[in-house]
């Protein structure tokens, strides 16, 4: 299994409502993107956040499924229309678990 983690840092003027709508859209991928085994996302409350306000964790079967998830049209639409316009920075971590 592959665990895909993304941490998001938003532009300073981003409203809480906009962030909430992005989190909702990301959650909405579960059940619509066939490669997703499990998905969770939410607000980061850590004092060690370094400005990264939200996190996303997606679990998929293998690297081929991760590639298919990355190219999925719904996933790409969320990235292009909702995330990229307000994204200041992101960190992505992918690792394999047995």
N, C-alpha and C. Protein backbone atom coordinates (compact mmCIF):
# COMPACT_ATOMS: atom_id res chain seq x y z
N UNK A 1 0.84 -1.18 0.00
CA UNK A 1 0.00 0.00 0.00
C UNK A 1 0.89 1.24 0.00
N UNK A 2 0.43 2.27 -0.70
CA UNK A 2 1.13 3.56 -0.76
C UNK A 2 0.33 4.58 0.06
N UNK A 3 1.05 5.34 0.88
CA UNK A 3 0.46 6.45 1.61
C UNK A 3 0.97 7.73 0.97
N UNK A 4 0.04 8.58 0.57
CA UNK A 4 0.33 9.85 -0.11
C UNK A 4 -0.12 10.96 0.84
N UNK A 5 0.83 11.80 1.24
CA UNK A 5 0.55 12.89 2.18
C UNK A 5 0.89 14.22 1.52
N UNK A 6 -0.02 15.18 1.63
CA UNK A 6 0.23 16.52 1.12
C UNK A 6 -0.08 17.52 2.23
N UNK A 7 0.84 18.45 2.47
CA UNK A 7 0.63 19.55 3.40
C UNK A 7 0.50 20.82 2.58
N UNK A 8 -0.50 21.64 2.91
CA UNK A 8 -0.80 22.85 2.14
C UNK A 8 -0.54 24.11 2.96
N UNK A 9 0.11 25.08 2.31
CA UNK A 9 0.27 26.43 2.86
C UNK A 9 -0.44 27.36 1.88
N UNK A 10 -1.39 28.13 2.38
CA UNK A 10 -2.22 28.99 1.53
C UNK A 10 -1.70 30.42 1.51
N UNK A 11 -2.08 31.15 0.47
CA UNK A 11 -1.77 32.58 0.41
C UNK A 11 -2.43 33.27 1.61
N UNK A 12 -1.80 34.33 2.08
CA UNK A 12 -2.20 34.98 3.33
C UNK A 12 -3.65 35.45 3.35
N UNK A 13 -4.19 35.86 2.24
CA UNK A 13 -5.55 36.43 2.22
C UNK A 13 -6.64 35.38 1.99
N UNK A 14 -6.31 34.11 2.07
CA UNK A 14 -7.28 33.05 1.81
C UNK A 14 -8.28 32.93 2.94
N UNK A 15 -9.56 32.94 2.61
CA UNK A 15 -10.62 32.90 3.62
C UNK A 15 -10.81 31.48 4.16
N UNK A 16 -11.25 31.37 5.41
CA UNK A 16 -11.56 30.05 5.98
C UNK A 16 -12.62 29.31 5.17
N UNK A 17 -13.56 30.03 4.57
CA UNK A 17 -14.61 29.42 3.77
C UNK A 17 -14.03 28.77 2.50
N UNK A 18 -13.05 29.43 1.90
CA UNK A 18 -12.41 28.89 0.71
C UNK A 18 -11.66 27.61 1.05
N UNK A 19 -10.94 27.63 2.16
CA UNK A 19 -10.21 26.44 2.60
C UNK A 19 -11.19 25.30 2.90
N UNK A 20 -12.28 25.62 3.56
CA UNK A 20 -13.30 24.60 3.88
C UNK A 20 -13.87 23.98 2.61
N UNK A 21 -14.07 24.80 1.58
CA UNK A 21 -14.61 24.26 0.34
C UNK A 21 -13.60 23.34 -0.35
N UNK A 22 -12.32 23.63 -0.23
CA UNK A 22 -11.29 22.77 -0.79
C UNK A 22 -11.25 21.44 -0.04
N UNK A 23 -11.29 21.50 1.28
CA UNK A 23 -11.29 20.27 2.07
C UNK A 23 -12.51 19.40 1.73
N UNK A 24 -13.65 20.03 1.53
CA UNK A 24 -14.86 19.31 1.16
C UNK A 24 -14.71 18.65 -0.21
N UNK A 25 -14.14 19.39 -1.16
CA UNK A 25 -13.92 18.83 -2.50
C UNK A 25 -12.96 17.66 -2.45
N UNK A 26 -11.90 17.78 -1.66
CA UNK A 26 -10.96 16.67 -1.53
C UNK A 26 -11.63 15.45 -0.92
N UNK A 27 -12.41 15.65 0.14
CA UNK A 27 -13.14 14.52 0.75
C UNK A 27 -14.09 13.87 -0.25
N UNK A 28 -14.64 14.67 -1.14
CA UNK A 28 -15.59 14.19 -2.13
C UNK A 28 -14.97 13.25 -3.16
N UNK A 29 -13.65 13.20 -3.23
CA UNK A 29 -13.02 12.28 -4.17
C UNK A 29 -13.19 10.82 -3.75
N UNK A 30 -13.33 10.59 -2.45
CA UNK A 30 -13.48 9.21 -1.96
C UNK A 30 -14.80 8.65 -2.49
N UNK A 31 -14.72 7.51 -3.14
CA UNK A 31 -15.89 6.92 -3.76
C UNK A 31 -16.07 7.31 -5.21
N UNK A 32 -15.38 8.36 -5.64
CA UNK A 32 -15.47 8.80 -7.04
C UNK A 32 -14.18 8.52 -7.82
N UNK A 33 -13.06 8.47 -7.11
CA UNK A 33 -11.78 8.14 -7.73
C UNK A 33 -11.48 6.69 -7.35
N UNK A 34 -11.54 5.78 -8.30
CA UNK A 34 -11.50 4.35 -7.97
C UNK A 34 -10.23 3.88 -7.26
N UNK A 35 -9.13 4.55 -7.46
CA UNK A 35 -7.86 4.11 -6.85
C UNK A 35 -7.80 4.38 -5.35
N UNK A 36 -8.62 5.27 -4.83
CA UNK A 36 -8.55 5.65 -3.43
C UNK A 36 -9.12 4.54 -2.55
N UNK A 37 -8.27 4.02 -1.66
CA UNK A 37 -8.69 3.05 -0.65
C UNK A 37 -9.23 3.80 0.56
N UNK A 38 -8.51 4.85 0.96
CA UNK A 38 -8.94 5.67 2.09
C UNK A 38 -8.43 7.09 1.88
N UNK A 39 -9.15 8.05 2.40
CA UNK A 39 -8.78 9.46 2.26
C UNK A 39 -9.23 10.21 3.50
N UNK A 40 -8.36 11.06 4.02
CA UNK A 40 -8.75 11.98 5.09
C UNK A 40 -8.01 13.30 4.87
N UNK A 41 -8.62 14.38 5.32
CA UNK A 41 -7.97 15.68 5.26
C UNK A 41 -8.57 16.57 6.33
N UNK A 42 -7.83 17.61 6.69
CA UNK A 42 -8.34 18.51 7.71
C UNK A 42 -7.38 19.63 8.05
N UNK A 43 -7.77 20.39 9.08
CA UNK A 43 -7.01 21.54 9.54
C UNK A 43 -5.85 21.08 10.43
N UNK A 44 -4.69 21.67 10.23
CA UNK A 44 -3.52 21.38 11.03
C UNK A 44 -3.52 22.28 12.26
N UNK A 45 -3.55 21.69 13.45
CA UNK A 45 -3.53 22.49 14.68
C UNK A 45 -2.19 22.43 15.40
N UNK A 46 -1.19 21.81 14.79
CA UNK A 46 0.12 21.68 15.42
C UNK A 46 0.81 23.03 15.56
N UNK A 47 1.47 23.23 16.69
CA UNK A 47 2.26 24.44 16.88
C UNK A 47 3.56 24.39 16.09
N UNK A 48 3.87 23.24 15.50
CA UNK A 48 5.08 23.06 14.71
C UNK A 48 4.79 23.08 13.21
N UNK A 49 3.68 23.68 12.81
CA UNK A 49 3.16 23.60 11.44
C UNK A 49 3.99 24.33 10.39
N UNK A 50 4.80 25.29 10.78
CA UNK A 50 5.59 26.10 9.86
C UNK A 50 4.73 26.74 8.78
N UNK A 51 3.48 27.05 9.11
CA UNK A 51 2.58 27.73 8.19
C UNK A 51 1.75 26.80 7.32
N UNK A 52 1.95 25.51 7.42
CA UNK A 52 1.15 24.57 6.64
C UNK A 52 -0.16 24.34 7.37
N UNK A 53 -1.24 24.82 6.77
CA UNK A 53 -2.54 24.91 7.44
C UNK A 53 -3.41 23.67 7.33
N UNK A 54 -3.21 22.87 6.29
CA UNK A 54 -4.08 21.71 6.07
C UNK A 54 -3.25 20.53 5.59
N UNK A 55 -3.79 19.34 5.85
CA UNK A 55 -3.13 18.12 5.40
C UNK A 55 -4.12 17.20 4.71
N UNK A 56 -3.59 16.38 3.81
CA UNK A 56 -4.35 15.38 3.08
C UNK A 56 -3.58 14.07 3.14
N UNK A 57 -4.28 12.97 3.45
CA UNK A 57 -3.68 11.64 3.42
C UNK A 57 -4.56 10.76 2.54
N UNK A 58 -3.94 10.16 1.53
CA UNK A 58 -4.64 9.26 0.61
C UNK A 58 -3.89 7.93 0.61
N UNK A 59 -4.65 6.84 0.70
CA UNK A 59 -4.06 5.51 0.62
C UNK A 59 -4.53 4.84 -0.66
N UNK A 60 -3.55 4.31 -1.41
CA UNK A 60 -3.84 3.60 -2.66
C UNK A 60 -3.08 2.27 -2.64
N UNK A 61 -3.43 1.38 -3.57
CA UNK A 61 -2.89 0.02 -3.58
C UNK A 61 -1.38 -0.04 -3.86
N UNK A 62 -0.93 0.68 -4.88
CA UNK A 62 0.47 0.58 -5.31
C UNK A 62 0.85 1.83 -6.11
N UNK A 63 2.08 1.82 -6.64
CA UNK A 63 2.57 3.00 -7.38
C UNK A 63 1.76 3.25 -8.65
N UNK A 64 1.29 2.20 -9.30
CA UNK A 64 0.46 2.37 -10.49
C UNK A 64 -0.85 3.07 -10.13
N UNK A 65 -1.43 2.70 -8.99
CA UNK A 65 -2.66 3.34 -8.53
C UNK A 65 -2.41 4.79 -8.15
N UNK A 66 -1.24 5.08 -7.57
CA UNK A 66 -0.89 6.47 -7.24
C UNK A 66 -0.79 7.30 -8.50
N UNK A 67 -0.19 6.75 -9.53
CA UNK A 67 -0.07 7.45 -10.81
C UNK A 67 -1.44 7.70 -11.42
N UNK A 68 -2.31 6.70 -11.38
CA UNK A 68 -3.67 6.86 -11.92
C UNK A 68 -4.46 7.90 -11.13
N UNK A 69 -4.32 7.88 -9.80
CA UNK A 69 -4.97 8.87 -8.94
C UNK A 69 -4.49 10.28 -9.31
N UNK A 70 -3.18 10.42 -9.47
CA UNK A 70 -2.61 11.73 -9.79
C UNK A 70 -3.16 12.28 -11.10
N UNK A 71 -3.43 11.40 -12.07
CA UNK A 71 -3.91 11.82 -13.38
C UNK A 71 -5.43 11.88 -13.48
N UNK A 72 -6.13 11.42 -12.46
CA UNK A 72 -7.60 11.38 -12.50
C UNK A 72 -8.17 12.78 -12.77
N UNK A 73 -9.18 12.85 -13.63
CA UNK A 73 -9.73 14.15 -14.05
C UNK A 73 -10.36 14.93 -12.90
N UNK A 74 -11.04 14.27 -11.97
CA UNK A 74 -11.62 14.97 -10.82
C UNK A 74 -10.52 15.54 -9.93
N UNK A 75 -9.50 14.74 -9.67
CA UNK A 75 -8.36 15.20 -8.87
C UNK A 75 -7.70 16.40 -9.54
N UNK A 76 -7.46 16.32 -10.84
CA UNK A 76 -6.82 17.42 -11.57
C UNK A 76 -7.69 18.67 -11.58
N UNK A 77 -9.01 18.50 -11.68
CA UNK A 77 -9.91 19.66 -11.65
C UNK A 77 -9.83 20.38 -10.31
N UNK A 78 -9.79 19.64 -9.22
CA UNK A 78 -9.68 20.24 -7.89
C UNK A 78 -8.35 20.99 -7.77
N UNK A 79 -7.28 20.38 -8.23
CA UNK A 79 -5.97 21.04 -8.17
C UNK A 79 -5.97 22.33 -8.97
N UNK A 80 -6.41 22.25 -10.23
CA UNK A 80 -6.31 23.39 -11.13
C UNK A 80 -7.26 24.53 -10.76
N UNK A 81 -8.50 24.20 -10.38
CA UNK A 81 -9.49 25.26 -10.16
C UNK A 81 -9.58 25.75 -8.72
N UNK A 82 -9.29 24.90 -7.76
CA UNK A 82 -9.46 25.29 -6.36
C UNK A 82 -8.13 25.52 -5.63
N UNK A 83 -7.19 24.60 -5.81
CA UNK A 83 -5.95 24.65 -5.01
C UNK A 83 -4.92 25.61 -5.58
N UNK A 84 -4.54 25.43 -6.85
CA UNK A 84 -3.45 26.23 -7.42
C UNK A 84 -3.66 27.74 -7.32
N UNK A 85 -4.88 28.26 -7.51
CA UNK A 85 -5.04 29.71 -7.45
C UNK A 85 -4.70 30.35 -6.10
N UNK A 86 -4.73 29.56 -5.03
CA UNK A 86 -4.47 30.14 -3.69
C UNK A 86 -3.31 29.47 -2.96
N UNK A 87 -2.62 28.55 -3.62
CA UNK A 87 -1.55 27.80 -2.99
C UNK A 87 -0.28 28.64 -2.87
N UNK A 88 0.27 28.71 -1.66
CA UNK A 88 1.55 29.39 -1.45
C UNK A 88 2.70 28.39 -1.48
N UNK A 89 2.47 27.19 -0.93
CA UNK A 89 3.51 26.16 -0.89
C UNK A 89 2.86 24.83 -0.54
N UNK A 90 3.55 23.75 -0.83
CA UNK A 90 3.08 22.43 -0.44
C UNK A 90 4.26 21.50 -0.25
N UNK A 91 4.04 20.48 0.54
CA UNK A 91 5.01 19.40 0.71
C UNK A 91 4.26 18.11 0.42
N UNK A 92 4.86 17.24 -0.37
CA UNK A 92 4.26 15.95 -0.67
C UNK A 92 5.22 14.85 -0.24
N UNK A 93 4.67 13.84 0.45
CA UNK A 93 5.43 12.69 0.88
C UNK A 93 4.66 11.44 0.45
N UNK A 94 5.34 10.53 -0.23
CA UNK A 94 4.76 9.26 -0.63
C UNK A 94 5.65 8.15 -0.07
N UNK A 95 5.03 7.18 0.59
CA UNK A 95 5.83 6.05 1.05
C UNK A 95 5.00 4.78 1.01
N UNK A 96 5.73 3.65 0.99
CA UNK A 96 5.10 2.35 0.88
C UNK A 96 5.06 1.68 2.24
N UNK A 97 3.92 1.07 2.53
CA UNK A 97 3.77 0.27 3.75
C UNK A 97 3.38 -1.14 3.36
N UNK A 98 3.79 -2.09 4.16
CA UNK A 98 3.45 -3.48 3.85
C UNK A 98 2.37 -4.00 4.76
